[in-house]
């Protein structure tokens, strides 16, 4: 039998909360399955909460307090955990951020910017500074650190998720950084693209009309044990969609957009060529 992994409650609010939940459950002599019985949630959901990997929904917290007789402890503190988990991100991104960690595959379309999971710190800093001109240095760095932390999904010891991003070609030609830093950003994308499960694909500037012309950021997420999810975001709002019929429409639109894009090898060649041009002080043509 595999040895149970210890929970280090000192690493943050979510793990502290999860460790206390495990302690109270074991003190009551209950298994995970016994604790979730009578709720609408599964064993794996509760297990991920105990490990600090998932937030506690308010209705599940009420159920846990009732079963464990903890006098509302977990319900009162689940909002603190939610805030801690999205620190450095806007509140409406919470659901998508949690979904990334459980994803089997993530597919993105971002027509104006390099997607956050592919950004270098200088690129992220330029974006945050432009969109939040009144933010303090501390607030800016908090957001940058949070964005960089998302990229742990691409660490070599992770087998999932598979990641696919469709990037408009004109984004490569319109730098928001000095040439050397823009070259670093594109080299970073190229390095990721050489990994088997990360695929950026370039949409040619002259592709003509396409299905997602009216959409800002779109992220499609699929899971091994749950229905797919669509997340859309604009400058000051965003939200997740789990209605199967609507998600299916976005799925079809994304597939049509992918069909209009260049093949992965040709896309990588364009990214590498643009990086080389910037490094040589040449504006990519």
Protein backbone atom coordinates (compact mmCIF):
# COMPACT_ATOMS: atom_id res chain seq x y z
CA UNK A 1 0.00 0.00 0.00
CA UNK A 2 1.32 3.47 -0.91
CA UNK A 3 2.37 5.58 2.03
CA UNK A 4 0.01 8.46 2.64
CA UNK A 5 1.55 11.82 1.83
CA UNK A 6 1.85 14.18 4.78
CA UNK A 7 0.29 17.64 4.53
CA UNK A 8 2.53 20.60 5.35
CA UNK A 9 0.09 23.09 6.83
CA UNK A 10 2.74 25.80 6.95
CA UNK A 11 2.84 26.26 3.16
CA UNK A 12 -0.31 28.36 3.01
CA UNK A 13 -3.94 28.83 4.00
CA UNK A 14 -5.33 26.03 1.78
CA UNK A 15 -2.96 23.38 3.16
CA UNK A 16 -3.52 24.57 6.74
CA UNK A 17 -7.26 24.23 6.17
CA UNK A 18 -6.83 20.82 4.54
CA UNK A 19 -4.64 19.50 7.32
CA UNK A 20 -7.21 20.55 9.93
CA UNK A 21 -9.96 18.89 7.89
CA UNK A 22 -8.02 15.60 7.79
CA UNK A 23 -7.31 15.83 11.53
CA UNK A 24 -10.97 16.39 12.43
CA UNK A 25 -12.12 13.61 10.08
CA UNK A 26 -9.66 11.08 11.51
CA UNK A 27 -10.48 12.13 15.08
CA UNK A 28 -14.09 11.28 14.26
CA UNK A 29 -12.98 7.90 12.92
CA UNK A 30 -14.39 8.54 9.45
CA UNK A 31 -13.03 7.67 6.00
CA UNK A 32 -13.24 10.14 3.15
CA UNK A 33 -16.13 8.18 1.67
CA UNK A 34 -18.03 8.21 4.94
CA UNK A 35 -17.57 11.96 5.31
CA UNK A 36 -18.94 12.83 1.86
CA UNK A 37 -21.92 10.48 2.11
CA UNK A 38 -25.10 12.52 1.98
CA UNK A 39 -23.46 15.36 0.00
CA UNK A 40 -23.33 15.91 -3.76
CA UNK A 41 -19.53 15.59 -3.83
CA UNK A 42 -17.19 12.69 -4.39
CA UNK A 43 -14.33 11.16 -2.45
CA UNK A 44 -11.64 12.59 -4.77
CA UNK A 45 -13.03 16.10 -4.35
CA UNK A 46 -12.68 15.91 -0.58
CA UNK A 47 -9.24 14.31 -0.84
CA UNK A 48 -7.99 17.22 -2.98
CA UNK A 49 -9.36 19.70 -0.42
CA UNK A 50 -7.44 17.93 2.34
CA UNK A 51 -4.23 18.25 0.28
CA UNK A 52 -4.85 21.97 -0.26
CA UNK A 53 -5.33 21.49 -4.01
CA UNK A 54 -8.99 22.43 -4.27
CA UNK A 55 -11.32 24.91 -2.64
CA UNK A 56 -14.13 23.89 -0.30
CA UNK A 57 -17.60 24.80 -1.66
CA UNK A 58 -19.78 26.45 0.95
CA UNK A 59 -22.45 23.73 0.78
CA UNK A 60 -19.84 21.00 1.29
CA UNK A 61 -18.35 22.95 4.21
CA UNK A 62 -21.80 23.06 5.82
CA UNK A 63 -22.14 19.30 5.34
CA UNK A 64 -18.69 18.65 6.85
CA UNK A 65 -19.44 20.88 9.87
CA UNK A 66 -22.70 19.03 10.43
CA UNK A 67 -21.14 15.55 10.24
CA UNK A 68 -18.02 16.40 12.25
CA UNK A 69 -19.92 18.64 14.70
CA UNK A 70 -17.33 21.41 14.26
CA UNK A 71 -19.76 24.27 14.98
CA UNK A 72 -19.42 26.01 11.60
CA UNK A 73 -15.59 26.07 11.64
CA UNK A 74 -15.09 24.96 8.02
CA UNK A 75 -17.95 27.07 6.64
CA UNK A 76 -16.61 30.21 8.33
CA UNK A 77 -13.10 29.70 6.95
CA UNK A 78 -13.73 28.41 3.43
CA UNK A 79 -13.94 32.01 2.15
CA UNK A 80 -10.46 32.71 3.57
CA UNK A 81 -9.16 29.69 1.65
CA UNK A 82 -10.83 30.87 -1.55
CA UNK A 83 -9.18 34.28 -1.27
CA UNK A 84 -5.78 32.72 -0.57
CA UNK A 85 -6.00 30.42 -3.59
CA UNK A 86 -6.63 33.29 -6.01
CA UNK A 87 -4.11 35.71 -4.51
CA UNK A 88 -2.53 37.63 -7.35
CA UNK A 89 -5.43 36.85 -9.70
CA UNK A 90 -8.75 38.58 -10.29
CA UNK A 91 -11.63 36.92 -8.47
CA UNK A 92 -13.48 35.75 -11.56
CA UNK A 93 -10.44 33.68 -12.63
CA UNK A 94 -10.78 31.44 -9.57
CA UNK A 95 -12.75 28.67 -11.25
CA UNK A 96 -10.45 28.51 -14.29
CA UNK A 97 -7.35 28.53 -12.07
CA UNK A 98 -8.65 25.55 -10.12
CA UNK A 99 -9.65 23.78 -13.35
CA UNK A 100 -6.10 24.08 -14.77
CA UNK A 101 -4.72 22.01 -11.94
CA UNK A 102 -7.09 19.11 -12.66
CA UNK A 103 -7.01 19.35 -16.45
CA UNK A 104 -6.22 16.62 -18.91
CA UNK A 105 -5.96 19.16 -21.73
CA UNK A 106 -6.03 22.97 -22.00
CA UNK A 107 -6.63 24.78 -25.29
CA UNK A 108 -6.44 28.56 -25.59
CA UNK A 109 -7.19 31.35 -28.02
CA UNK A 110 -5.96 34.81 -27.05
CA UNK A 111 -6.22 37.28 -29.97
CA UNK A 112 -4.34 40.24 -28.49
CA UNK A 113 -1.73 38.90 -26.08
CA UNK A 114 0.48 35.90 -25.50
CA UNK A 115 -1.51 33.69 -23.09
CA UNK A 116 -0.54 33.88 -19.43
CA UNK A 117 0.79 30.31 -19.28
CA UNK A 118 3.35 31.18 -21.99
CA UNK A 119 4.43 34.60 -20.71
CA UNK A 120 7.85 35.50 -19.38
CA UNK A 121 8.06 37.79 -16.35
CA UNK A 122 8.99 40.93 -18.39
CA UNK A 123 6.04 40.34 -20.74
CA UNK A 124 3.67 39.81 -17.81
CA UNK A 125 5.01 42.97 -16.14
CA UNK A 126 4.37 45.02 -19.27
CA UNK A 127 0.80 43.70 -19.49
CA UNK A 128 0.04 44.34 -15.81
CA UNK A 129 1.54 47.83 -15.95
CA UNK A 130 -0.52 48.71 -19.02
CA UNK A 131 -3.81 47.37 -17.68
CA UNK A 132 -3.35 48.51 -14.05
CA UNK A 133 -1.47 51.83 -14.30
CA UNK A 134 -2.24 52.82 -10.70
CA UNK A 135 -1.08 49.55 -9.12
CA UNK A 136 1.75 49.71 -6.60
CA UNK A 137 5.03 47.90 -7.24
CA UNK A 138 4.03 45.32 -4.63
CA UNK A 139 0.68 44.67 -6.33
CA UNK A 140 2.34 44.34 -9.72
CA UNK A 141 4.92 41.85 -8.45
CA UNK A 142 2.24 39.82 -6.67
CA UNK A 143 0.34 39.44 -9.94
CA UNK A 144 3.50 38.55 -11.87
CA UNK A 145 4.51 35.92 -9.30
CA UNK A 146 1.02 34.42 -9.41
CA UNK A 147 1.12 34.23 -13.19
CA UNK A 148 4.58 32.65 -13.23
CA UNK A 149 3.45 30.09 -10.63
CA UNK A 150 0.79 28.80 -13.03
CA UNK A 151 3.55 27.54 -15.34
CA UNK A 152 4.38 24.71 -12.90
CA UNK A 153 1.95 22.78 -15.08
CA UNK A 154 4.75 22.60 -17.65
CA UNK A 155 7.36 21.11 -15.33
CA UNK A 156 8.96 17.97 -16.75
CA UNK A 157 7.63 15.66 -14.06
CA UNK A 158 4.04 16.51 -14.98
CA UNK A 159 2.53 14.23 -17.64
CA UNK A 160 -0.58 16.35 -18.00
CA UNK A 161 -2.12 18.58 -19.08
CA UNK A 162 -1.60 18.65 -22.81
CA UNK A 163 -1.54 22.31 -23.82
CA UNK A 164 -2.50 23.88 -27.13
CA UNK A 165 -2.51 27.61 -27.95
CA UNK A 166 -3.52 29.32 -31.18
CA UNK A 167 -1.62 32.60 -31.58
CA UNK A 168 -2.42 35.26 -34.20
CA UNK A 169 0.61 36.00 -36.38
CA UNK A 170 0.28 39.77 -36.02
CA UNK A 171 0.95 39.39 -32.28
CA UNK A 172 4.51 38.34 -33.16
CA UNK A 173 4.96 41.45 -35.28
CA UNK A 174 3.64 43.96 -32.73
CA UNK A 175 6.05 43.89 -29.78
CA UNK A 176 5.16 45.28 -26.37
CA UNK A 177 8.76 44.81 -25.13
CA UNK A 178 12.21 46.01 -26.23
CA UNK A 179 13.65 43.78 -29.00
CA UNK A 180 15.94 41.72 -26.74
CA UNK A 181 13.16 40.96 -24.24
CA UNK A 182 10.73 40.21 -27.05
CA UNK A 183 13.27 37.75 -28.44
CA UNK A 184 13.49 36.11 -25.00
CA UNK A 185 9.71 35.82 -24.88
CA UNK A 186 9.49 34.11 -28.27
CA UNK A 187 12.46 31.86 -27.49
CA UNK A 188 10.60 30.83 -24.34
CA UNK A 189 7.56 29.81 -26.38
CA UNK A 190 9.77 27.95 -28.86
CA UNK A 191 11.49 26.04 -26.04
CA UNK A 192 8.12 24.99 -24.64
CA UNK A 193 6.95 23.97 -28.11
CA UNK A 194 9.78 21.44 -28.34
CA UNK A 195 8.16 19.49 -25.52
CA UNK A 196 5.77 16.76 -26.70
CA UNK A 197 2.64 18.02 -24.97
CA UNK A 198 2.87 21.79 -25.64
CA UNK A 199 1.75 22.99 -29.07
CA UNK A 200 1.55 26.67 -30.14
CA UNK A 201 -0.02 27.13 -33.56
CA UNK A 202 0.13 30.35 -35.58
CA UNK A 203 -2.97 31.77 -37.22
CA UNK A 204 -1.77 33.61 -40.39
CA UNK A 205 -2.49 37.33 -40.56
CA UNK A 206 -4.29 36.85 -43.89
CA UNK A 207 -6.47 33.89 -42.83
CA UNK A 208 -9.65 35.89 -43.42
CA UNK A 209 -12.84 35.59 -41.34
CA UNK A 210 -12.80 32.94 -38.61
CA UNK A 211 -15.25 31.55 -36.01
CA UNK A 212 -13.79 33.32 -32.95
CA UNK A 213 -13.47 36.86 -34.29
CA UNK A 214 -15.81 38.24 -31.60
CA UNK A 215 -14.21 36.36 -28.71
CA UNK A 216 -11.50 37.62 -26.37
CA UNK A 217 -9.59 35.05 -24.37
CA UNK A 218 -11.08 31.56 -24.66
CA UNK A 219 -9.82 28.61 -22.66
CA UNK A 220 -11.26 25.13 -23.20
CA UNK A 221 -10.45 22.64 -20.47
CA UNK A 222 -11.11 18.91 -20.49
CA UNK A 223 -10.81 16.56 -17.53
CA UNK A 224 -10.34 12.82 -17.05
CA UNK A 225 -13.37 12.56 -14.76
CA UNK A 226 -15.62 15.58 -15.40
CA UNK A 227 -17.42 17.38 -18.26
CA UNK A 228 -15.44 19.97 -20.27
CA UNK A 229 -15.39 23.63 -19.35
CA UNK A 230 -15.16 26.86 -21.35
CA UNK A 231 -13.74 30.03 -19.80
CA UNK A 232 -14.05 33.45 -21.43
CA UNK A 233 -12.43 36.67 -20.30
CA UNK A 234 -12.39 40.32 -21.29
CA UNK A 235 -10.61 43.26 -19.68
CA UNK A 236 -12.84 43.68 -16.63
CA UNK A 237 -14.83 40.48 -16.42
CA UNK A 238 -14.68 36.76 -17.02
CA UNK A 239 -16.56 33.59 -16.31
CA UNK A 240 -16.70 29.84 -16.72
CA UNK A 241 -19.34 28.06 -18.79
CA UNK A 242 -20.22 24.45 -18.07
CA UNK A 243 -23.47 24.17 -20.07
CA UNK A 244 -22.69 21.19 -22.36
CA UNK A 245 -24.53 22.66 -25.38
CA UNK A 246 -22.67 25.98 -25.22
CA UNK A 247 -19.30 24.35 -24.51
CA UNK A 248 -19.87 22.16 -27.56
CA UNK A 249 -20.35 25.25 -29.74
CA UNK A 250 -17.07 26.74 -28.53
CA UNK A 251 -15.42 23.36 -29.07
CA UNK A 252 -16.50 23.30 -32.72
CA UNK A 253 -15.48 26.93 -33.26
CA UNK A 254 -12.03 26.26 -31.79
CA UNK A 255 -11.55 23.20 -33.98
CA UNK A 256 -12.41 25.26 -37.07
CA UNK A 257 -9.96 27.93 -35.99
CA UNK A 258 -7.26 25.30 -35.51
CA UNK A 259 -7.94 24.04 -39.03
CA UNK A 260 -7.25 27.56 -40.37
CA UNK A 261 -3.94 27.82 -38.49
CA UNK A 262 -0.52 26.70 -39.69
CA UNK A 263 0.80 23.22 -38.80
CA UNK A 264 2.85 22.98 -35.57
CA UNK A 265 6.24 22.66 -37.32
CA UNK A 266 5.61 25.64 -39.58
CA UNK A 267 4.32 27.62 -36.59
CA UNK A 268 7.47 26.85 -34.60
CA UNK A 269 9.63 27.98 -37.53
CA UNK A 270 7.80 31.33 -37.65
CA UNK A 271 8.23 31.85 -33.89
CA UNK A 272 11.95 31.03 -34.07
CA UNK A 273 12.46 33.31 -37.07
CA UNK A 274 10.73 36.22 -35.33
CA UNK A 275 12.84 35.70 -32.20
CA UNK A 276 16.01 35.72 -34.32
CA UNK A 277 14.96 38.94 -36.05
CA UNK A 278 14.31 40.71 -32.75
CA UNK A 279 17.66 39.55 -31.39
CA UNK A 280 19.37 40.93 -34.48
CA UNK A 281 17.59 44.27 -34.17
CA UNK A 282 15.28 43.59 -37.11
CA UNK A 283 11.55 44.17 -37.05
CA UNK A 284 9.96 40.84 -38.13
CA UNK A 285 8.38 41.17 -41.54
